[in-house]
Amino acid sequence: MLALFDLNNTLIDRRGSLEDWARGFVRQRRLLREAESAICDRLRSRAYPADFVHLRETLGLSDDPDDLWRGYVEVTAWSVRCFPGVRESLEALRGAGWDLGVATNGAGDIQWAKLAATGLTSLFDGIRVPEEIGARKPAYDHFEVAASLCGTRPQIFELVTEPDRFALGGSVRPASQAAVRHHASETVTASYRTRSAAQEVRL
């Protein structure tokens, strides 16, 4: 059985690392307190280099946007942390015979940096980010490539992601789609569950 995992706010606490970075950035630059909210609102779902062009103008900065992006990647990637129990649960899944993959959206450089910093890379059979294949979740091609890297096809798989993240349909129908909640404000929705990876993982 194949389990494909989202990365941000499923395995790692992106939300927490973003808020920490925004707070430190505003303090370091001596910006108005409102700047922290502006940064988090802009980057809450995903962060790309183009977002820092926008933030440069919004915050009245003189920095090159590429430098702002590189600084963000360096600090947040190496400060991000896994949620409690993630590593142990993934190791248990591997021991139980599951094939594990990461199917995540987001910019490639920061996603790979997060995986390296948390030491999760070696626990997965296949990892795919959209920049490398030109397809984002929930497109079929994204799951097809992620599954192929794990040595299987995407017709039967378990998808574990953050609450309300994706509505899947068409040719992509996981055997089970489960959502995990790490923050009290999130609402968990799960559909067509079998004996699932999320149950095995206990996230």
C-alpha atoms as a PDB file:
ATOM      1  CA  MET A   1       0.000   0.000   0.000  1.00  0.00           C
ATOM      2  CA  LEU A   2       1.196   3.490  -0.853  1.00  0.00           C
ATOM      3  CA  ALA A   3       0.806   6.497   1.441  1.00  0.00           C
ATOM      4  CA  LEU A   4       1.418   9.957  -0.020  1.00  0.00           C
ATOM      5  CA  PHE A   5       1.916  12.797   2.441  1.00  0.00           C
ATOM      6  CA  ASP A   6       1.599  16.514   2.144  1.00  0.00           C
ATOM      7  CA  LEU A   7       4.527  18.300   3.783  1.00  0.00           C
ATOM      8  CA  ASN A   8       3.501  21.695   5.131  1.00  0.00           C
ATOM      9  CA  ASN A   9       1.326  21.616   8.255  1.00  0.00           C
ATOM     10  CA  THR A  10       0.969  17.853   7.947  1.00  0.00           C
ATOM     11  CA  LEU A  11       4.446  16.540   8.724  1.00  0.00           C
ATOM     12  CA  ILE A  12       6.125  19.850   9.583  1.00  0.00           C
ATOM     13  CA  ASP A  13       4.907  22.957  11.376  1.00  0.00           C
ATOM     14  CA  ARG A  14       5.164  25.500   8.567  1.00  0.00           C
ATOM     15  CA  ARG A  15       2.652  27.780  10.240  1.00  0.00           C
ATOM     16  CA  GLY A  16       4.770  28.063  13.376  1.00  0.00           C
ATOM     17  CA  SER A  17       8.034  28.637  11.503  1.00  0.00           C
ATOM     18  CA  LEU A  18       6.424  31.337   9.312  1.00  0.00           C
ATOM     19  CA  GLU A  19       5.102  33.221  12.324  1.00  0.00           C
ATOM     20  CA  ASP A  20       8.486  32.998  14.071  1.00  0.00           C
ATOM     21  CA  TRP A  21      10.291  34.274  10.973  1.00  0.00           C
ATOM     22  CA  ALA A  22       7.839  37.138  10.412  1.00  0.00           C
ATOM     23  CA  ARG A  23       8.133  38.220  14.043  1.00  0.00           C
ATOM     24  CA  GLY A  24      11.919  38.193  13.923  1.00  0.00           C
ATOM     25  CA  PHE A  25      12.056  39.943  10.550  1.00  0.00           C
ATOM     26  CA  VAL A  26       9.791  42.768  11.710  1.00  0.00           C
ATOM     27  CA  ARG A  27      11.813  43.193  14.893  1.00  0.00           C
ATOM     28  CA  GLN A  28      15.147  43.156  13.049  1.00  0.00           C
ATOM     29  CA  ARG A  29      13.984  45.695  10.475  1.00  0.00           C
ATOM     30  CA  ARG A  30      12.152  47.798  13.083  1.00  0.00           C
ATOM     31  CA  LEU A  31       8.974  47.709  11.062  1.00  0.00           C
ATOM     32  CA  LEU A  32       5.514  48.545  12.337  1.00  0.00           C
ATOM     33  CA  ARG A  33       3.713  45.742  14.146  1.00  0.00           C
ATOM     34  CA  GLU A  34       1.152  45.589  11.345  1.00  0.00           C
ATOM     35  CA  ALA A  35       3.918  44.375   9.032  1.00  0.00           C
ATOM     36  CA  GLU A  36       3.907  40.982  10.758  1.00  0.00           C
ATOM     37  CA  SER A  37       0.277  40.401   9.799  1.00  0.00           C
ATOM     38  CA  ALA A  38       0.924  41.589   6.238  1.00  0.00           C
ATOM     39  CA  ILE A  39       3.774  39.085   5.868  1.00  0.00           C
ATOM     40  CA  CYS A  40       1.858  36.147   7.336  1.00  0.00           C
ATOM     41  CA  ASP A  41      -1.244  36.896   5.271  1.00  0.00           C
ATOM     42  CA  ARG A  42       0.790  36.982   2.072  1.00  0.00           C
ATOM     43  CA  LEU A  43       2.768  33.814   2.777  1.00  0.00           C
ATOM     44  CA  ARG A  44       0.204  31.776   4.726  1.00  0.00           C
ATOM     45  CA  SER A  45      -0.662  29.272   1.996  1.00  0.00           C
ATOM     46  CA  ARG A  46       2.629  29.094   0.109  1.00  0.00           C
ATOM     47  CA  ALA A  47       5.704  31.261  -0.442  1.00  0.00           C
ATOM     48  CA  TYR A  48       7.336  31.900  -3.809  1.00  0.00           C
ATOM     49  CA  PRO A  49      10.016  34.388  -4.929  1.00  0.00           C
ATOM     50  CA  ALA A  50       7.326  36.564  -6.547  1.00  0.00           C
ATOM     51  CA  ASP A  51       5.725  37.112  -3.142  1.00  0.00           C
ATOM     52  CA  PHE A  52       8.813  38.969  -2.018  1.00  0.00           C
ATOM     53  CA  VAL A  53       8.484  41.416  -4.884  1.00  0.00           C
ATOM     54  CA  HIS A  54       5.062  42.247  -3.451  1.00  0.00           C
ATOM     55  CA  LEU A  55       6.295  42.411   0.146  1.00  0.00           C
ATOM     56  CA  ARG A  56       9.204  44.642  -0.811  1.00  0.00           C
ATOM     57  CA  GLU A  57       6.749  47.221  -2.137  1.00  0.00           C
ATOM     58  CA  THR A  58       4.200  46.756   0.641  1.00  0.00           C
ATOM     59  CA  LEU A  59       6.757  47.125   3.420  1.00  0.00           C
ATOM     60  CA  GLY A  60       8.762  49.879   1.725  1.00  0.00           C
ATOM     61  CA  LEU A  61      12.020  47.924   1.650  1.00  0.00           C
ATOM     62  CA  SER A  62      15.026  48.620  -0.552  1.00  0.00           C
ATOM     63  CA  ASP A  63      16.337  45.021  -0.600  1.00  0.00           C
ATOM     64  CA  ASP A  64      16.566  42.997  -3.764  1.00  0.00           C
ATOM     65  CA  PRO A  65      13.562  40.612  -3.712  1.00  0.00           C
ATOM     66  CA  ASP A  66      15.875  37.698  -4.503  1.00  0.00           C
ATOM     67  CA  ASP A  67      17.879  38.465  -1.368  1.00  0.00           C
ATOM     68  CA  LEU A  68      14.698  38.597   0.696  1.00  0.00           C
ATOM     69  CA  TRP A  69      13.652  35.230  -0.693  1.00  0.00           C
ATOM     70  CA  ARG A  70      17.010  33.603  -0.007  1.00  0.00           C
ATOM     71  CA  GLY A  71      16.998  34.926   3.539  1.00  0.00           C
ATOM     72  CA  TYR A  72      13.516  33.570   4.098  1.00  0.00           C
ATOM     73  CA  VAL A  73      14.433  30.133   2.735  1.00  0.00           C
ATOM     74  CA  GLU A  74      17.585  29.897   4.823  1.00  0.00           C
ATOM     75  CA  VAL A  75      15.987  30.857   8.120  1.00  0.00           C
ATOM     76  CA  THR A  76      12.618  29.110   7.850  1.00  0.00           C
ATOM     77  CA  ALA A  77      13.905  25.890   6.303  1.00  0.00           C
ATOM     78  CA  TRP A  78      16.464  25.338   9.008  1.00  0.00           C
ATOM     79  CA  SER A  79      14.199  26.371  11.877  1.00  0.00           C
ATOM     80  CA  VAL A  80      11.151  24.311  10.870  1.00  0.00           C
ATOM     81  CA  ARG A  81      10.309  21.356  13.072  1.00  0.00           C
ATOM     82  CA  CYS A  82       8.360  18.144  12.617  1.00  0.00           C
ATOM     83  CA  PHE A  83       5.209  17.722  14.616  1.00  0.00           C
ATOM     84  CA  PRO A  84       5.601  15.384  17.614  1.00  0.00           C
ATOM     85  CA  GLY A  85       5.628  11.718  16.700  1.00  0.00           C
ATOM     86  CA  VAL A  86       6.102  12.196  12.952  1.00  0.00           C
ATOM     87  CA  ARG A  87       9.470  10.487  12.578  1.00  0.00           C
ATOM     88  CA  GLU A  88       8.554   7.569  14.820  1.00  0.00           C
ATOM     89  CA  SER A  89       5.250   7.062  13.014  1.00  0.00           C
ATOM     90  CA  LEU A  90       6.811   7.136   9.554  1.00  0.00           C
ATOM     91  CA  GLU A  91       9.405   4.605  10.677  1.00  0.00           C
ATOM     92  CA  ALA A  92       6.594   2.397  11.991  1.00  0.00           C
ATOM     93  CA  LEU A  93       4.790   2.595   8.653  1.00  0.00           C
ATOM     94  CA  ARG A  94       7.914   1.579   6.776  1.00  0.00           C
ATOM     95  CA  GLY A  95       8.365  -1.292   9.177  1.00  0.00           C
ATOM     96  CA  ALA A  96       4.791  -2.384   8.483  1.00  0.00           C
ATOM     97  CA  GLY A  97       5.515  -2.564   4.750  1.00  0.00           C
ATOM     98  CA  TRP A  98       4.042   0.708   3.490  1.00  0.00           C
ATOM     99  CA  ASP A  99       5.610   2.580   0.579  1.00  0.00           C
ATOM    100  CA  LEU A 100       5.887   6.262   1.525  1.00  0.00           C
ATOM    101  CA  GLY A 101       5.985   9.330  -0.695  1.00  0.00           C
ATOM    102  CA  VAL A 102       5.715  13.106  -0.456  1.00  0.00           C
ATOM    103  CA  ALA A 103       3.385  14.893  -2.881  1.00  0.00           C
ATOM    104  CA  THR A 104       3.621  18.564  -2.015  1.00  0.00           C
ATOM    105  CA  ASN A 105       3.099  21.936  -3.635  1.00  0.00           C
ATOM    106  CA  GLY A 106       5.413  24.881  -3.086  1.00  0.00           C
ATOM    107  CA  ALA A 107       8.730  26.170  -4.394  1.00  0.00           C
ATOM    108  CA  GLY A 108      11.265  23.392  -4.908  1.00  0.00           C
ATOM    109  CA  ASP A 109      14.256  24.950  -3.182  1.00  0.00           C
ATOM    110  CA  ILE A 110      12.502  25.583   0.118  1.00  0.00           C
ATOM    111  CA  GLN A 111      10.645  22.261   0.163  1.00  0.00           C
ATOM    112  CA  TRP A 112      13.832  20.275  -0.376  1.00  0.00           C
ATOM    113  CA  ALA A 113      15.613  22.400   2.232  1.00  0.00           C
ATOM    114  CA  LYS A 114      12.894  21.642   4.792  1.00  0.00           C
ATOM    115  CA  LEU A 115      13.125  17.915   4.137  1.00  0.00           C
ATOM    116  CA  ALA A 116      16.901  18.024   4.513  1.00  0.00           C
ATOM    117  CA  ALA A 117      16.766  20.099   7.693  1.00  0.00           C
ATOM    118  CA  THR A 118      14.244  17.816   9.383  1.00  0.00           C
ATOM    119  CA  GLY A 119      16.056  14.663   8.276  1.00  0.00           C
ATOM    120  CA  LEU A 120      12.916  13.166   6.725  1.00  0.00           C
ATOM    121  CA  THR A 121      14.239  12.615   3.198  1.00  0.00           C
ATOM    122  CA  SER A 122      15.581   9.121   3.832  1.00  0.00           C
ATOM    123  CA  LEU A 123      12.203   7.901   5.125  1.00  0.00           C
ATOM    124  CA  PHE A 124      10.487   8.328   1.742  1.00  0.00           C
ATOM    125  CA  ASP A 125      10.664   6.265  -1.425  1.00  0.00           C
ATOM    126  CA  GLY A 126       9.690   9.204  -3.631  1.00  0.00           C
ATOM    127  CA  ILE A 127       9.363  12.986  -3.307  1.00  0.00           C
ATOM    128  CA  ARG A 128       7.847  15.366  -5.823  1.00  0.00           C
ATOM    129  CA  VAL A 129       7.288  19.129  -5.891  1.00  0.00           C
ATOM    130  CA  PRO A 130       5.380  20.826  -8.753  1.00  0.00           C
ATOM    131  CA  GLU A 131       8.275  22.874 -10.166  1.00  0.00           C
ATOM    132  CA  GLU A 132       9.986  19.665 -11.211  1.00  0.00           C
ATOM    133  CA  ILE A 133       7.098  18.257 -13.260  1.00  0.00           C
ATOM    134  CA  GLY A 134       4.983  21.304 -14.108  1.00  0.00           C
ATOM    135  CA  ALA A 135       1.902  19.980 -12.312  1.00  0.00           C
ATOM    136  CA  ARG A 136       0.414  20.907  -8.946  1.00  0.00           C
ATOM    137  CA  LYS A 137      -1.873  18.974  -6.671  1.00  0.00           C
ATOM    138  CA  PRO A 138      -4.575  17.904  -7.188  1.00  0.00           C
ATOM    139  CA  ALA A 139      -3.613  17.297 -10.845  1.00  0.00           C
ATOM    140  CA  TYR A 140      -3.309  13.630 -11.793  1.00  0.00           C
ATOM    141  CA  ASP A 141       0.225  14.077 -13.175  1.00  0.00           C
ATOM    142  CA  HIS A 142       1.491  15.179  -9.780  1.00  0.00           C
ATOM    143  CA  PHE A 143       0.311  12.004  -8.054  1.00  0.00           C
ATOM    144  CA  GLU A 144       1.358   9.818 -10.988  1.00  0.00           C
ATOM    145  CA  VAL A 145       4.972  10.972 -10.781  1.00  0.00           C
ATOM    146  CA  ALA A 146       5.064  10.738  -6.984  1.00  0.00           C
ATOM    147  CA  ALA A 147       3.673   7.207  -7.127  1.00  0.00           C
ATOM    148  CA  SER A 148       6.058   6.140  -9.898  1.00  0.00           C
ATOM    149  CA  LEU A 149       9.014   7.222  -7.768  1.00  0.00           C
ATOM    150  CA  CYS A 150       7.718   4.843  -5.127  1.00  0.00           C
ATOM    151  CA  GLY A 151       7.550   2.033  -7.675  1.00  0.00           C
ATOM    152  CA  THR A 152       3.768   1.919  -8.026  1.00  0.00           C
ATOM    153  CA  ARG A 153       0.783   3.519  -9.774  1.00  0.00           C
ATOM    154  CA  PRO A 154      -1.536   6.122  -8.234  1.00  0.00           C
ATOM    155  CA  GLN A 155      -4.800   4.218  -8.647  1.00  0.00           C
ATOM    156  CA  ILE A 156      -4.685   2.947  -5.070  1.00  0.00           C
ATOM    157  CA  PHE A 157      -3.085   5.088  -2.435  1.00  0.00           C
ATOM    158  CA  GLU A 158      -3.653   6.833   0.856  1.00  0.00           C
ATOM    159  CA  LEU A 159      -3.446  10.627   0.944  1.00  0.00           C
ATOM    160  CA  VAL A 160      -2.634  12.320   4.244  1.00  0.00           C
ATOM    161  CA  THR A 161      -2.866  16.090   4.242  1.00  0.00           C
ATOM    162  CA  GLU A 162      -3.874  19.108   6.312  1.00  0.00           C
ATOM    163  CA  PRO A 163      -7.593  19.775   6.880  1.00  0.00           C
ATOM    164  CA  ASP A 164      -9.718  20.968   3.931  1.00  0.00           C
ATOM    165  CA  ARG A 165      -6.664  21.220   1.706  1.00  0.00           C
ATOM    166  CA  PHE A 166      -7.761  19.407  -1.438  1.00  0.00           C
ATOM    167  CA  ALA A 167     -10.936  18.153  -3.018  1.00  0.00           C
ATOM    168  CA  LEU A 168      -9.899  15.235  -5.203  1.00  0.00           C
ATOM    169  CA  GLY A 169     -11.922  13.805  -8.006  1.00  0.00           C
ATOM    170  CA  GLY A 170     -11.814  12.546 -11.559  1.00  0.00           C
ATOM    171  CA  SER A 171      -9.112   9.959 -12.109  1.00  0.00           C
ATOM    172  CA  VAL A 172      -7.464  10.640  -8.751  1.00  0.00           C
ATOM    173  CA  ARG A 173      -9.407   8.679  -6.135  1.00  0.00           C
ATOM    174  CA  PRO A 174      -7.274   7.579  -3.209  1.00  0.00           C
ATOM    175  CA  ALA A 175      -8.367   4.485  -1.343  1.00  0.00           C
ATOM    176  CA  SER A 176      -8.500   6.773   1.666  1.00  0.00           C
ATOM    177  CA  GLN A 177      -8.064  10.486   2.162  1.00  0.00           C
ATOM    178  CA  ALA A 178      -7.352  11.562   5.720  1.00  0.00           C
ATOM    179  CA  ALA A 179      -6.755  14.964   7.255  1.00  0.00           C
ATOM    180  CA  VAL A 180      -4.747  15.565  10.396  1.00  0.00           C
ATOM    181  CA  ARG A 181      -5.162  18.487  12.770  1.00  0.00           C
ATOM    182  CA  HIS A 182      -2.220  20.046  14.607  1.00  0.00           C
ATOM    183  CA  HIS A 183      -3.781  23.436  15.443  1.00  0.00           C
ATOM    184  CA  ALA A 184      -6.957  23.872  17.478  1.00  0.00           C
ATOM    185  CA  SER A 185      -8.466  26.244  14.907  1.00  0.00           C
ATOM    186  CA  GLU A 186      -8.436  23.633  12.131  1.00  0.00           C
ATOM    187  CA  THR A 187     -11.416  21.476  11.282  1.00  0.00           C
ATOM    188  CA  VAL A 188     -10.696  17.884  10.397  1.00  0.00           C
ATOM    189  CA  THR A 189     -12.458  16.315   7.434  1.00  0.00           C
ATOM    190  CA  ALA A 190     -11.779  12.801   6.227  1.00  0.00           C
ATOM    191  CA  SER A 191     -13.441  10.722   3.571  1.00  0.00           C
ATOM    192  CA  TYR A 192     -13.590   7.149   2.312  1.00  0.00           C
ATOM    193  CA  ARG A 193     -11.329   5.766   5.004  1.00  0.00           C
ATOM    194  CA  THR A 194     -10.014   2.240   5.109  1.00  0.00           C
ATOM    195  CA  ARG A 195      -7.477   1.024   7.662  1.00  0.00           C
ATOM    196  CA  SER A 196      -5.532   4.144   6.907  1.00  0.00           C
ATOM    197  CA  ALA A 197      -2.013   5.458   7.076  1.00  0.00           C
ATOM    198  CA  ALA A 198      -3.297   8.271   9.274  1.00  0.00           C
ATOM    199  CA  GLN A 199      -4.603   5.717  11.754  1.00  0.00           C
ATOM    200  CA  GLU A 200      -1.317   3.837  11.638  1.00  0.00           C
ATOM    201  CA  VAL A 201       0.684   7.044  11.958  1.00  0.00           C
ATOM    202  CA  ARG A 202      -1.427   8.431  14.808  1.00  0.00           C
ATOM    203  CA  LEU A 203      -0.749  12.035  13.789  1.00  0.00           C
END
